Amino acid sequence: MNKIFYIPLLALFIISCNCTKKTAEAKNDINTYLKTITASDLKKHLTVIASDDMQGRNTGEPGQKKAAQYLADYYKKTNISYPKGATAYFQKIPSKYFLKAFSPKLGDSENVWAFIEGSEKPEEVLVISAHYDHVGMKNGEVYNGADDNGSGTSSILEIAEAFALAKKNGAGPKRSILFLHVTGEEHGLHGSRYYTENPIFPLANTIADLNIDMVGRRDDLHPNTNNYIYLIGSDRLSTDLHNISEEANKKYAQLELDYKYNAEDDPNRFYYRSDHYNFAKNGIPSLFYFNGTHDDYHQPTDDVSKIEFDALQKRVQLIFATAWELANRENKPVVDKPIK
């Protein structure tokens, strides 16, 4: 009698232990969270952000503010708070800050921020940024900006949700992460400039900026594949950042990493034309993800229907994997090159 019951009970104990171990391993496995970043969820967000209701999201106008509220509402619903030290999801920027010679007068606007505190090195902060503004309406037509930069805006929401799930499972990032949606990019990188001049956390504590600006399409240089992404700036300040990015791609995404526009003599000067630059000029290692330009760039035809969501999903998974490594590795990336 004793042997008959002992063996099954021991087997059940072993099975239970193995199941617990596998559950714990799954909760700490990056692949568990990579899988939550899906084309369908990206499309759901982008369909709202780049809708006609947002009126092209021009800085300081009602459509931009409606988009800002959508972002804040989403973070609140997902239980991702605004940063410590802030009182809301909005970093307000007064109209006078946008004044620039020969520029249109812009209304008051706001960056949108959300925050996950690190478990071991909370004072060190990784920034993931994207501008959510676009160029508004012209002659009654809505310039929806699905790729520019609804794609980057939606990307951050999915990345934030994946990190929030990891934290809920006890596998949250060791360093803190600031999810930063900036305004005013189309009029001169104003929102990111405002943040770097008025940071919620000291810039000296910011370990890197991953900036996402147009990642949902393909350009004419890649007519036969969308399995690529342009990387700009990864090695400009930090060899570590470049190597971390390369390794994350090799392990998790297997995209073609195209460095064409990273050349210092690139006539397009894209390195200086998106929001990462306001971090880079302050000595913060920065990486800009970009799909290149296309015929719909800054046109009313930049619509959701033209987004290639399979490509968008893979690119966002790469960014998440890179962010995961930066947030969890033992050492922050070393700055070993001069600012240029």
C-alpha atoms as a PDB file:
ATOM      1  CA  MET A   1       0.000   0.000   0.000  1.00  0.00           C
ATOM      2  CA  ASN A   2       2.699   2.503   0.948  1.00  0.00           C
ATOM      3  CA  LYS A   3       4.695   1.893  -2.249  1.00  0.00           C
ATOM      4  CA  ILE A   4       1.599   2.158  -4.436  1.00  0.00           C
ATOM      5  CA  PHE A   5       0.849   5.673  -3.179  1.00  0.00           C
ATOM      6  CA  TYR A   6       4.419   6.845  -2.682  1.00  0.00           C
ATOM      7  CA  ILE A   7       5.502   6.543  -6.297  1.00  0.00           C
ATOM      8  CA  PRO A   8       2.630   8.561  -7.811  1.00  0.00           C
ATOM      9  CA  LEU A   9       3.003  11.263  -5.145  1.00  0.00           C
ATOM     10  CA  LEU A  10       6.733  11.539  -5.848  1.00  0.00           C
ATOM     11  CA  ALA A  11       6.033  11.732  -9.582  1.00  0.00           C
ATOM     12  CA  LEU A  12       3.469  14.469  -9.006  1.00  0.00           C
ATOM     13  CA  PHE A  13       5.991  16.397  -6.903  1.00  0.00           C
ATOM     14  CA  ILE A  14       8.640  16.165  -9.624  1.00  0.00           C
ATOM     15  CA  ILE A  15       6.168  17.200 -12.311  1.00  0.00           C
ATOM     16  CA  SER A  16       5.030  20.134 -10.180  1.00  0.00           C
ATOM     17  CA  CYS A  17       8.612  21.294  -9.629  1.00  0.00           C
ATOM     18  CA  ASN A  18       9.388  21.054 -13.349  1.00  0.00           C
ATOM     19  CA  CYS A  19       6.265  23.030 -14.247  1.00  0.00           C
ATOM     20  CA  THR A  20       7.152  25.747 -11.732  1.00  0.00           C
ATOM     21  CA  LYS A  21      10.680  25.943 -13.129  1.00  0.00           C
ATOM     22  CA  LYS A  22       9.427  26.183 -16.706  1.00  0.00           C
ATOM     23  CA  THR A  23       6.941  28.904 -15.739  1.00  0.00           C
ATOM     24  CA  ALA A  24       9.693  30.898 -14.044  1.00  0.00           C
ATOM     25  CA  GLU A  25      11.974  30.503 -17.072  1.00  0.00           C
ATOM     26  CA  ALA A  26       9.200  31.644 -19.410  1.00  0.00           C
ATOM     27  CA  LYS A  27       8.581  34.755 -17.313  1.00  0.00           C
ATOM     28  CA  ASN A  28      12.256  35.716 -17.596  1.00  0.00           C
ATOM     29  CA  ASP A  29      12.585  34.843 -21.289  1.00  0.00           C
ATOM     30  CA  ILE A  30      12.646  37.793 -23.663  1.00  0.00           C
ATOM     31  CA  ASN A  31      10.802  35.708 -26.254  1.00  0.00           C
ATOM     32  CA  THR A  32       7.733  35.687 -24.003  1.00  0.00           C
ATOM     33  CA  TYR A  33       7.486  39.450 -24.465  1.00  0.00           C
ATOM     34  CA  LEU A  34       8.680  39.669 -28.053  1.00  0.00           C
ATOM     35  CA  LYS A  35       5.629  37.608 -28.999  1.00  0.00           C
ATOM     36  CA  THR A  36       3.277  40.233 -27.545  1.00  0.00           C
ATOM     37  CA  ILE A  37       4.400  42.737 -30.186  1.00  0.00           C
ATOM     38  CA  THR A  38       2.060  41.931 -33.049  1.00  0.00           C
ATOM     39  CA  ALA A  39       1.115  43.375 -36.397  1.00  0.00           C
ATOM     40  CA  SER A  40      -2.557  43.418 -35.374  1.00  0.00           C
ATOM     41  CA  ASP A  41      -1.928  45.495 -32.236  1.00  0.00           C
ATOM     42  CA  LEU A  42       0.309  47.894 -34.137  1.00  0.00           C
ATOM     43  CA  LYS A  43      -2.403  48.317 -36.739  1.00  0.00           C
ATOM     44  CA  LYS A  44      -5.021  48.941 -34.055  1.00  0.00           C
ATOM     45  CA  HIS A  45      -3.015  51.839 -32.602  1.00  0.00           C
ATOM     46  CA  LEU A  46      -1.939  53.269 -35.927  1.00  0.00           C
ATOM     47  CA  THR A  47      -5.479  53.247 -37.301  1.00  0.00           C
ATOM     48  CA  VAL A  48      -6.449  55.629 -34.505  1.00  0.00           C
ATOM     49  CA  ILE A  49      -3.320  57.787 -34.451  1.00  0.00           C
ATOM     50  CA  ALA A  50      -3.290  58.342 -38.235  1.00  0.00           C
ATOM     51  CA  SER A  51      -7.054  58.735 -38.625  1.00  0.00           C
ATOM     52  CA  ASP A  52      -8.746  61.777 -40.115  1.00  0.00           C
ATOM     53  CA  ASP A  53     -10.046  62.590 -36.625  1.00  0.00           C
ATOM     54  CA  MET A  54      -6.498  63.549 -35.630  1.00  0.00           C
ATOM     55  CA  GLN A  55      -6.424  66.185 -38.414  1.00  0.00           C
ATOM     56  CA  GLY A  56      -2.764  65.554 -39.210  1.00  0.00           C
ATOM     57  CA  ARG A  57      -1.575  66.171 -35.608  1.00  0.00           C
ATOM     58  CA  ASN A  58      -0.040  69.591 -36.290  1.00  0.00           C
ATOM     59  CA  THR A  59       1.778  71.022 -33.280  1.00  0.00           C
ATOM     60  CA  GLY A  60      -0.498  72.924 -30.917  1.00  0.00           C
ATOM     61  CA  GLU A  61      -3.684  72.161 -32.848  1.00  0.00           C
ATOM     62  CA  PRO A  62      -6.725  70.139 -31.692  1.00  0.00           C
ATOM     63  CA  GLY A  63      -5.733  66.994 -33.601  1.00  0.00           C
ATOM     64  CA  GLN A  64      -2.313  66.872 -31.952  1.00  0.00           C
ATOM     65  CA  LYS A  65      -3.912  67.286 -28.539  1.00  0.00           C
ATOM     66  CA  LYS A  66      -6.406  64.537 -29.305  1.00  0.00           C
ATOM     67  CA  ALA A  67      -3.506  62.251 -30.204  1.00  0.00           C
ATOM     68  CA  ALA A  68      -1.720  63.190 -26.970  1.00  0.00           C
ATOM     69  CA  GLN A  69      -4.813  62.264 -24.997  1.00  0.00           C
ATOM     70  CA  TYR A  70      -5.044  58.909 -26.777  1.00  0.00           C
ATOM     71  CA  LEU A  71      -1.478  58.136 -25.720  1.00  0.00           C
ATOM     72  CA  ALA A  72      -2.066  59.184 -22.116  1.00  0.00           C
ATOM     73  CA  ASP A  73      -5.310  57.214 -21.906  1.00  0.00           C
ATOM     74  CA  TYR A  74      -3.574  54.127 -23.245  1.00  0.00           C
ATOM     75  CA  TYR A  75      -0.782  54.310 -20.681  1.00  0.00           C
ATOM     76  CA  LYS A  76      -3.292  54.808 -17.896  1.00  0.00           C
ATOM     77  CA  LYS A  77      -5.337  51.830 -19.088  1.00  0.00           C
ATOM     78  CA  THR A  78      -2.189  49.707 -19.279  1.00  0.00           C
ATOM     79  CA  ASN A  79      -1.134  50.729 -15.742  1.00  0.00           C
ATOM     80  CA  ILE A  80       2.044  52.417 -16.907  1.00  0.00           C
ATOM     81  CA  SER A  81       2.510  55.570 -14.859  1.00  0.00           C
ATOM     82  CA  TYR A  82       3.955  58.940 -15.755  1.00  0.00           C
ATOM     83  CA  PRO A  83       7.495  59.581 -14.475  1.00  0.00           C
ATOM     84  CA  LYS A  84       8.331  60.100 -10.840  1.00  0.00           C
ATOM     85  CA  GLY A  85       8.488  63.818 -10.206  1.00  0.00           C
ATOM     86  CA  ALA A  86       5.808  64.587 -12.821  1.00  0.00           C
ATOM     87  CA  THR A  87       2.150  65.265 -12.055  1.00  0.00           C
ATOM     88  CA  ALA A  88       0.666  64.058 -15.339  1.00  0.00           C
ATOM     89  CA  TYR A  89       1.437  62.287 -18.601  1.00  0.00           C
ATOM     90  CA  PHE A  90       2.101  65.658 -20.265  1.00  0.00           C
ATOM     91  CA  GLN A  91       5.227  67.783 -20.300  1.00  0.00           C
ATOM     92  CA  LYS A  92       3.699  71.100 -21.276  1.00  0.00           C
ATOM     93  CA  ILE A  93       5.547  73.378 -23.703  1.00  0.00           C
ATOM     94  CA  PRO A  94       4.482  77.027 -24.077  1.00  0.00           C
ATOM     95  CA  SER A  95       3.850  78.535 -27.490  1.00  0.00           C
ATOM     96  CA  LYS A  96       6.727  80.999 -27.128  1.00  0.00           C
ATOM     97  CA  TYR A  97       9.225  78.128 -27.025  1.00  0.00           C
ATOM     98  CA  PHE A  98       8.433  77.292 -30.653  1.00  0.00           C
ATOM     99  CA  LEU A  99       9.168  80.783 -31.969  1.00  0.00           C
ATOM    100  CA  LYS A 100      11.689  80.663 -34.761  1.00  0.00           C
ATOM    101  CA  ALA A 101      12.439  83.004 -37.621  1.00  0.00           C
ATOM    102  CA  PHE A 102      10.197  82.419 -40.661  1.00  0.00           C
ATOM    103  CA  SER A 103       8.220  79.695 -38.868  1.00  0.00           C
ATOM    104  CA  PRO A 104       4.441  79.717 -38.405  1.00  0.00           C
ATOM    105  CA  LYS A 105       3.137  80.645 -34.981  1.00  0.00           C
ATOM    106  CA  LEU A 106       2.393  77.458 -33.071  1.00  0.00           C
ATOM    107  CA  GLY A 107       0.114  77.010 -30.091  1.00  0.00           C
ATOM    108  CA  ASP A 108       0.945  75.547 -26.707  1.00  0.00           C
ATOM    109  CA  SER A 109       1.782  71.868 -26.978  1.00  0.00           C
ATOM    110  CA  GLU A 110       3.019  68.947 -24.912  1.00  0.00           C
ATOM    111  CA  ASN A 111       5.337  65.991 -24.928  1.00  0.00           C
ATOM    112  CA  VAL A 112       3.772  62.783 -23.619  1.00  0.00           C
ATOM    113  CA  TRP A 113       5.781  60.594 -21.269  1.00  0.00           C
ATOM    114  CA  ALA A 114       5.362  57.323 -19.419  1.00  0.00           C
ATOM    115  CA  PHE A 115       7.741  55.455 -17.157  1.00  0.00           C
ATOM    116  CA  ILE A 116       8.695  52.037 -15.834  1.00  0.00           C
ATOM    117  CA  GLU A 117      11.060  52.149 -12.884  1.00  0.00           C
ATOM    118  CA  GLY A 118      14.064  49.853 -12.882  1.00  0.00           C
ATOM    119  CA  SER A 119      14.355  47.133 -10.269  1.00  0.00           C
ATOM    120  CA  GLU A 120      18.109  47.351  -9.614  1.00  0.00           C
ATOM    121  CA  LYS A 121      19.450  50.583 -11.133  1.00  0.00           C
ATOM    122  CA  PRO A 122      16.403  52.875 -11.112  1.00  0.00           C
ATOM    123  CA  GLU A 123      18.519  56.023 -11.323  1.00  0.00           C
ATOM    124  CA  GLU A 124      19.851  54.979 -14.759  1.00  0.00           C
ATOM    125  CA  VAL A 125      17.355  55.716 -17.519  1.00  0.00           C
ATOM    126  CA  LEU A 126      16.928  54.442 -21.070  1.00  0.00           C
ATOM    127  CA  VAL A 127      14.847  56.758 -23.274  1.00  0.00           C
ATOM    128  CA  ILE A 128      12.753  55.384 -26.137  1.00  0.00           C
ATOM    129  CA  SER A 129      11.526  58.290 -28.241  1.00  0.00           C
ATOM    130  CA  ALA A 130       9.375  59.106 -31.258  1.00  0.00           C
ATOM    131  CA  HIS A 131       7.631  62.247 -32.422  1.00  0.00           C
ATOM    132  CA  TYR A 132       3.858  62.008 -32.655  1.00  0.00           C
ATOM    133  CA  ASP A 133       3.158  65.297 -34.437  1.00  0.00           C
ATOM    134  CA  HIS A 134       2.787  65.674 -38.199  1.00  0.00           C
ATOM    135  CA  VAL A 135       2.053  68.531 -40.614  1.00  0.00           C
ATOM    136  CA  GLY A 136      -1.698  68.925 -40.157  1.00  0.00           C
ATOM    137  CA  MET A 137      -4.111  69.843 -42.961  1.00  0.00           C
ATOM    138  CA  LYS A 138      -3.581  71.750 -46.196  1.00  0.00           C
ATOM    139  CA  ASN A 139      -6.294  72.913 -48.579  1.00  0.00           C
ATOM    140  CA  GLY A 140      -8.841  70.763 -46.781  1.00  0.00           C
ATOM    141  CA  GLU A 141      -6.786  67.571 -47.076  1.00  0.00           C
ATOM    142  CA  VAL A 142      -5.620  65.656 -44.007  1.00  0.00           C
ATOM    143  CA  TYR A 143      -1.957  64.704 -43.972  1.00  0.00           C
ATOM    144  CA  ASN A 144      -2.366  61.625 -41.794  1.00  0.00           C
ATOM    145  CA  GLY A 145       1.318  60.795 -41.367  1.00  0.00           C
ATOM    146  CA  ALA A 146       0.843  57.066 -40.928  1.00  0.00           C
ATOM    147  CA  ASP A 147       4.500  56.305 -41.536  1.00  0.00           C
ATOM    148  CA  ASP A 148       5.702  59.747 -40.417  1.00  0.00           C
ATOM    149  CA  ASN A 149       5.416  59.180 -37.560  1.00  0.00           C
ATOM    150  CA  GLY A 150       2.365  57.215 -36.597  1.00  0.00           C
ATOM    151  CA  SER A 151       4.526  54.141 -37.074  1.00  0.00           C
ATOM    152  CA  GLY A 152       7.056  55.207 -34.446  1.00  0.00           C
ATOM    153  CA  THR A 153       4.330  56.372 -32.082  1.00  0.00           C
ATOM    154  CA  SER A 154       2.533  53.022 -32.263  1.00  0.00           C
ATOM    155  CA  SER A 155       5.849  51.218 -31.859  1.00  0.00           C
ATOM    156  CA  ILE A 156       6.502  52.801 -28.482  1.00  0.00           C
ATOM    157  CA  LEU A 157       3.071  51.791 -27.205  1.00  0.00           C
ATOM    158  CA  GLU A 158       3.732  48.144 -28.049  1.00  0.00           C
ATOM    159  CA  ILE A 159       7.240  48.241 -26.555  1.00  0.00           C
ATOM    160  CA  ALA A 160       5.928  49.820 -23.357  1.00  0.00           C
ATOM    161  CA  GLU A 161       3.191  47.225 -23.030  1.00  0.00           C
ATOM    162  CA  ALA A 162       5.729  44.395 -23.413  1.00  0.00           C
ATOM    163  CA  PHE A 163       7.959  45.838 -20.690  1.00  0.00           C
ATOM    164  CA  ALA A 164       4.940  46.395 -18.440  1.00  0.00           C
ATOM    165  CA  LEU A 165       3.997  42.721 -18.766  1.00  0.00           C
ATOM    166  CA  ALA A 166       7.568  41.718 -17.919  1.00  0.00           C
ATOM    167  CA  LYS A 167       7.453  43.895 -14.795  1.00  0.00           C
ATOM    168  CA  LYS A 168       4.101  42.404 -13.798  1.00  0.00           C
ATOM    169  CA  ASN A 169       5.684  38.951 -14.123  1.00  0.00           C
ATOM    170  CA  GLY A 170       8.607  39.921 -11.909  1.00  0.00           C
ATOM    171  CA  ALA A 171      10.991  40.255 -14.843  1.00  0.00           C
ATOM    172  CA  GLY A 172      10.910  44.015 -15.209  1.00  0.00           C
ATOM    173  CA  PRO A 173      13.903  45.984 -16.496  1.00  0.00           C
ATOM    174  CA  LYS A 174      16.831  46.545 -14.140  1.00  0.00           C
ATOM    175  CA  ARG A 175      17.196  50.110 -15.383  1.00  0.00           C
ATOM    176  CA  SER A 176      14.339  52.569 -15.704  1.00  0.00           C
ATOM    177  CA  ILE A 177      12.740  53.278 -19.073  1.00  0.00           C
ATOM    178  CA  LEU A 178      11.205  56.585 -20.160  1.00  0.00           C
ATOM    179  CA  PHE A 179       8.787  56.296 -23.080  1.00  0.00           C
ATOM    180  CA  LEU A 180       8.882  59.742 -24.661  1.00  0.00           C
ATOM    181  CA  HIS A 181       6.496  60.937 -27.374  1.00  0.00           C
ATOM    182  CA  VAL A 182       7.710  64.338 -28.489  1.00  0.00           C
ATOM    183  CA  THR A 183       5.860  67.132 -30.222  1.00  0.00           C
ATOM    184  CA  GLY A 184       7.081  69.779 -32.641  1.00  0.00           C
ATOM    185  CA  GLU A 185       9.519  67.611 -34.583  1.00  0.00           C
ATOM    186  CA  GLU A 186       8.200  68.704 -37.970  1.00  0.00           C
ATOM    187  CA  HIS A 187       8.862  72.338 -37.110  1.00  0.00           C
ATOM    188  CA  GLY A 188      12.431  71.869 -35.907  1.00  0.00           C
ATOM    189  CA  LEU A 189      12.902  69.060 -33.341  1.00  0.00           C
ATOM    190  CA  HIS A 190      11.327  71.326 -30.729  1.00  0.00           C
ATOM    191  CA  GLY A 191       9.848  68.730 -28.366  1.00  0.00           C
ATOM    192  CA  SER A 192      13.031  66.716 -27.924  1.00  0.00           C
ATOM    193  CA  ARG A 193      15.029  69.928 -27.564  1.00  0.00           C
ATOM    194  CA  TYR A 194      12.629  71.047 -24.844  1.00  0.00           C
ATOM    195  CA  TYR A 195      12.958  67.733 -23.032  1.00  0.00           C
ATOM    196  CA  THR A 196      16.758  67.742 -23.117  1.00  0.00           C
ATOM    197  CA  GLU A 197      16.755  71.320 -21.810  1.00  0.00           C
ATOM    198  CA  ASN A 198      14.160  70.454 -19.161  1.00  0.00           C
ATOM    199  CA  PRO A 199      14.676  66.742 -18.406  1.00  0.00           C
ATOM    200  CA  ILE A 200      12.631  64.974 -15.750  1.00  0.00           C
ATOM    201  CA  PHE A 201      15.782  62.954 -14.969  1.00  0.00           C
ATOM    202  CA  PRO A 202      19.345  64.291 -15.214  1.00  0.00           C
ATOM    203  CA  LEU A 203      20.818  63.794 -18.667  1.00  0.00           C
ATOM    204  CA  ALA A 204      23.916  62.403 -16.969  1.00  0.00           C
ATOM    205  CA  ASN A 205      21.740  59.462 -15.869  1.00  0.00           C
ATOM    206  CA  THR A 206      20.377  58.800 -19.373  1.00  0.00           C
ATOM    207  CA  ILE A 207      22.275  55.794 -20.722  1.00  0.00           C
ATOM    208  CA  ALA A 208      20.973  55.908 -24.325  1.00  0.00           C
ATOM    209  CA  ASP A 209      18.164  57.068 -26.599  1.00  0.00           C
ATOM    210  CA  LEU A 210      16.487  54.728 -29.078  1.00  0.00           C
ATOM    211  CA  ASN A 211      14.585  56.963 -31.497  1.00  0.00           C
ATOM    212  CA  ILE A 212      11.940  55.659 -33.899  1.00  0.00           C
ATOM    213  CA  ASP A 213      10.936  57.790 -36.889  1.00  0.00           C
ATOM    214  CA  MET A 214       9.284  56.173 -39.943  1.00  0.00           C
ATOM    215  CA  VAL A 215       9.518  52.385 -39.665  1.00  0.00           C
ATOM    216  CA  GLY A 216       6.383  51.116 -41.434  1.00  0.00           C
ATOM    217  CA  ARG A 217       7.265  51.232 -45.152  1.00  0.00           C
ATOM    218  CA  ARG A 218      10.030  50.419 -47.628  1.00  0.00           C
ATOM    219  CA  ASP A 219      11.941  52.800 -49.874  1.00  0.00           C
ATOM    220  CA  ASP A 220      12.922  52.630 -53.549  1.00  0.00           C
ATOM    221  CA  LEU A 221      16.336  51.216 -52.651  1.00  0.00           C
ATOM    222  CA  HIS A 222      14.664  48.041 -51.333  1.00  0.00           C
ATOM    223  CA  PRO A 223      11.995  47.263 -53.949  1.00  0.00           C
ATOM    224  CA  ASN A 224      12.062  43.500 -53.421  1.00  0.00           C
ATOM    225  CA  THR A 225      12.172  43.222 -49.638  1.00  0.00           C
ATOM    226  CA  ASN A 226      11.014  44.945 -46.494  1.00  0.00           C
ATOM    227  CA  ASN A 227      13.299  42.849 -44.285  1.00  0.00           C
ATOM    228  CA  TYR A 228      15.656  45.726 -43.534  1.00  0.00           C
ATOM    229  CA  ILE A 229      16.008  48.822 -41.392  1.00  0.00           C
ATOM    230  CA  TYR A 230      18.347  51.808 -41.629  1.00  0.00           C
ATOM    231  CA  LEU A 231      20.346  52.403 -38.462  1.00  0.00           C
ATOM    232  CA  ILE A 232      21.753  55.867 -37.975  1.00  0.00           C
ATOM    233  CA  GLY A 233      24.054  56.949 -35.175  1.00  0.00           C
ATOM    234  CA  SER A 234      24.636  53.642 -33.410  1.00  0.00           C
ATOM    235  CA  ASP A 235      28.438  53.961 -33.567  1.00  0.00           C
ATOM    236  CA  ARG A 236      28.748  57.754 -33.573  1.00  0.00           C
ATOM    237  CA  LEU A 237      29.327  57.999 -29.812  1.00  0.00           C
ATOM    238  CA  SER A 238      29.515  54.450 -28.493  1.00  0.00           C
ATOM    239  CA  THR A 239      31.005  51.257 -29.874  1.00  0.00           C
ATOM    240  CA  ASP A 240      29.075  49.403 -27.168  1.00  0.00           C
ATOM    241  CA  LEU A 241      25.706  50.631 -28.451  1.00  0.00           C
ATOM    242  CA  HIS A 242      26.570  49.533 -31.975  1.00  0.00           C
ATOM    243  CA  ASN A 243      27.642  46.070 -30.824  1.00  0.00           C
ATOM    244  CA  ILE A 244      24.573  45.614 -28.613  1.00  0.00           C
ATOM    245  CA  SER A 245      22.339  46.529 -31.540  1.00  0.00           C
ATOM    246  CA  GLU A 246      24.097  44.140 -33.904  1.00  0.00           C
ATOM    247  CA  GLU A 247      23.912  41.259 -31.439  1.00  0.00           C
ATOM    248  CA  ALA A 248      20.213  41.832 -30.701  1.00  0.00           C
ATOM    249  CA  ASN A 249      19.458  41.720 -34.409  1.00  0.00           C
ATOM    250  CA  LYS A 250      21.486  38.534 -34.902  1.00  0.00           C
ATOM    251  CA  LYS A 251      19.687  36.767 -32.056  1.00  0.00           C
ATOM    252  CA  TYR A 252      16.109  37.950 -32.454  1.00  0.00           C
ATOM    253  CA  ALA A 253      15.243  39.729 -35.724  1.00  0.00           C
ATOM    254  CA  GLN A 254      17.661  38.859 -38.530  1.00  0.00           C
ATOM    255  CA  LEU A 255      16.903  42.061 -40.412  1.00  0.00           C
ATOM    256  CA  GLU A 256      19.304  43.548 -42.923  1.00  0.00           C
ATOM    257  CA  LEU A 257      20.887  46.426 -41.030  1.00  0.00           C
ATOM    258  CA  ASP A 258      21.581  49.158 -43.570  1.00  0.00           C
ATOM    259  CA  TYR A 259      24.084  51.853 -42.546  1.00  0.00           C
ATOM    260  CA  LYS A 260      23.930  53.856 -45.769  1.00  0.00           C
ATOM    261  CA  TYR A 261      22.619  56.993 -44.055  1.00  0.00           C
ATOM    262  CA  ASN A 262      24.990  56.685 -41.117  1.00  0.00           C
ATOM    263  CA  ALA A 263      27.930  57.843 -43.233  1.00  0.00           C
ATOM    264  CA  GLU A 264      29.329  61.121 -41.964  1.00  0.00           C
ATOM    265  CA  ASP A 265      29.346  62.502 -45.498  1.00  0.00           C
ATOM    266  CA  ASP A 266      25.711  61.485 -46.168  1.00  0.00           C
ATOM    267  CA  PRO A 267      24.236  64.465 -48.089  1.00  0.00           C
ATOM    268  CA  ASN A 268      20.797  63.866 -46.542  1.00  0.00           C
ATOM    269  CA  ARG A 269      22.218  64.510 -43.061  1.00  0.00           C
ATOM    270  CA  PHE A 270      19.518  62.344 -41.483  1.00  0.00           C
ATOM    271  CA  TYR A 271      21.657  62.028 -38.357  1.00  0.00           C
ATOM    272  CA  TYR A 272      20.830  65.653 -37.587  1.00  0.00           C
ATOM    273  CA  ARG A 273      17.182  65.540 -38.643  1.00  0.00           C
ATOM    274  CA  SER A 274      15.341  63.519 -36.036  1.00  0.00           C
ATOM    275  CA  ASP A 275      14.857  63.726 -32.301  1.00  0.00           C
ATOM    276  CA  HIS A 276      17.749  61.485 -31.269  1.00  0.00           C
ATOM    277  CA  TYR A 277      20.108  64.299 -32.220  1.00  0.00           C
ATOM    278  CA  ASN A 278      19.093  66.436 -29.247  1.00  0.00           C
ATOM    279  CA  PHE A 279      20.283  63.575 -27.049  1.00  0.00           C
ATOM    280  CA  ALA A 280      23.401  62.851 -29.098  1.00  0.00           C
ATOM    281  CA  LYS A 281      24.575  66.458 -29.017  1.00  0.00           C
ATOM    282  CA  ASN A 282      24.480  66.131 -25.223  1.00  0.00           C
ATOM    283  CA  GLY A 283      26.794  63.131 -25.327  1.00  0.00           C
ATOM    284  CA  ILE A 284      24.114  60.449 -24.959  1.00  0.00           C
ATOM    285  CA  PRO A 285      24.561  57.348 -27.160  1.00  0.00           C
ATOM    286  CA  SER A 286      21.694  57.456 -29.641  1.00  0.00           C
ATOM    287  CA  LEU A 287      20.300  55.225 -32.352  1.00  0.00           C
ATOM    288  CA  PHE A 288      17.781  56.282 -34.999  1.00  0.00           C
ATOM    289  CA  TYR A 289      15.593  53.616 -36.680  1.00  0.00           C
ATOM    290  CA  PHE A 290      14.350  54.604 -40.153  1.00  0.00           C
ATOM    291  CA  ASN A 291      12.853  52.946 -43.250  1.00  0.00           C
ATOM    292  CA  GLY A 292      13.950  55.649 -45.700  1.00  0.00           C
ATOM    293  CA  THR A 293      11.777  58.068 -47.630  1.00  0.00           C
ATOM    294  CA  HIS A 294       9.119  57.270 -50.237  1.00  0.00           C
ATOM    295  CA  ASP A 295       6.793  59.121 -52.609  1.00  0.00           C
ATOM    296  CA  ASP A 296       4.187  59.598 -49.848  1.00  0.00           C
ATOM    297  CA  TYR A 297       6.616  61.377 -47.514  1.00  0.00           C
ATOM    298  CA  HIS A 298       4.906  64.589 -46.314  1.00  0.00           C
ATOM    299  CA  GLN A 299       2.008  63.972 -48.666  1.00  0.00           C
ATOM    300  CA  PRO A 300      -1.700  63.415 -47.912  1.00  0.00           C
ATOM    301  CA  THR A 301      -1.232  59.877 -49.258  1.00  0.00           C
ATOM    302  CA  ASP A 302       0.849  58.710 -46.265  1.00  0.00           C
ATOM    303  CA  ASP A 303      -1.998  56.463 -45.100  1.00  0.00           C
ATOM    304  CA  VAL A 304      -2.431  53.382 -42.932  1.00  0.00           C
ATOM    305  CA  SER A 305      -3.359  51.299 -45.987  1.00  0.00           C
ATOM    306  CA  LYS A 306       0.243  51.583 -47.219  1.00  0.00           C
ATOM    307  CA  ILE A 307       1.906  50.396 -44.027  1.00  0.00           C
ATOM    308  CA  GLU A 308       3.596  46.992 -44.251  1.00  0.00           C
ATOM    309  CA  PHE A 309       2.705  45.621 -40.843  1.00  0.00           C
ATOM    310  CA  ASP A 310       4.808  42.473 -41.146  1.00  0.00           C
ATOM    311  CA  ALA A 311       7.891  44.661 -41.516  1.00  0.00           C
ATOM    312  CA  LEU A 312       6.745  47.011 -38.775  1.00  0.00           C
ATOM    313  CA  GLN A 313       6.333  44.119 -36.356  1.00  0.00           C
ATOM    314  CA  LYS A 314       9.851  42.768 -36.983  1.00  0.00           C
ATOM    315  CA  ARG A 315      11.411  46.205 -36.662  1.00  0.00           C
ATOM    316  CA  VAL A 316       9.627  46.906 -33.388  1.00  0.00           C
ATOM    317  CA  GLN A 317      10.712  43.515 -32.062  1.00  0.00           C
ATOM    318  CA  LEU A 318      14.314  44.439 -32.888  1.00  0.00           C
ATOM    319  CA  ILE A 319      13.980  47.735 -31.016  1.00  0.00           C
ATOM    320  CA  PHE A 320      12.446  45.951 -28.038  1.00  0.00           C
ATOM    321  CA  ALA A 321      15.248  43.367 -27.990  1.00  0.00           C
ATOM    322  CA  THR A 322      17.863  46.127 -28.097  1.00  0.00           C
ATOM    323  CA  ALA A 323      16.087  48.018 -25.320  1.00  0.00           C
ATOM    324  CA  TRP A 324      15.837  44.815 -23.249  1.00  0.00           C
ATOM    325  CA  GLU A 325      19.585  44.321 -23.453  1.00  0.00           C
ATOM    326  CA  LEU A 326      20.364  47.960 -22.652  1.00  0.00           C
ATOM    327  CA  ALA A 327      18.004  47.952 -19.690  1.00  0.00           C
ATOM    328  CA  ASN A 328      19.266  44.674 -18.224  1.00  0.00           C
ATOM    329  CA  ARG A 329      22.978  44.329 -19.009  1.00  0.00           C
ATOM    330  CA  GLU A 330      25.525  44.814 -16.251  1.00  0.00           C
ATOM    331  CA  ASN A 331      27.111  47.973 -17.638  1.00  0.00           C
ATOM    332  CA  LYS A 332      25.671  50.922 -19.507  1.00  0.00           C
ATOM    333  CA  PRO A 333      27.136  51.655 -22.947  1.00  0.00           C
ATOM    334  CA  VAL A 334      30.447  53.468 -22.759  1.00  0.00           C
ATOM    335  CA  VAL A 335      30.852  56.740 -24.630  1.00  0.00           C
ATOM    336  CA  ASP A 336      34.178  56.286 -26.412  1.00  0.00           C
ATOM    337  CA  LYS A 337      33.898  58.769 -29.263  1.00  0.00           C
ATOM    338  CA  PRO A 338      33.695  62.573 -29.411  1.00  0.00           C
ATOM    339  CA  ILE A 339      30.488  64.482 -30.127  1.00  0.00           C
ATOM    340  CA  LYS A 340      30.292  65.669 -33.734  1.00  0.00           C
END
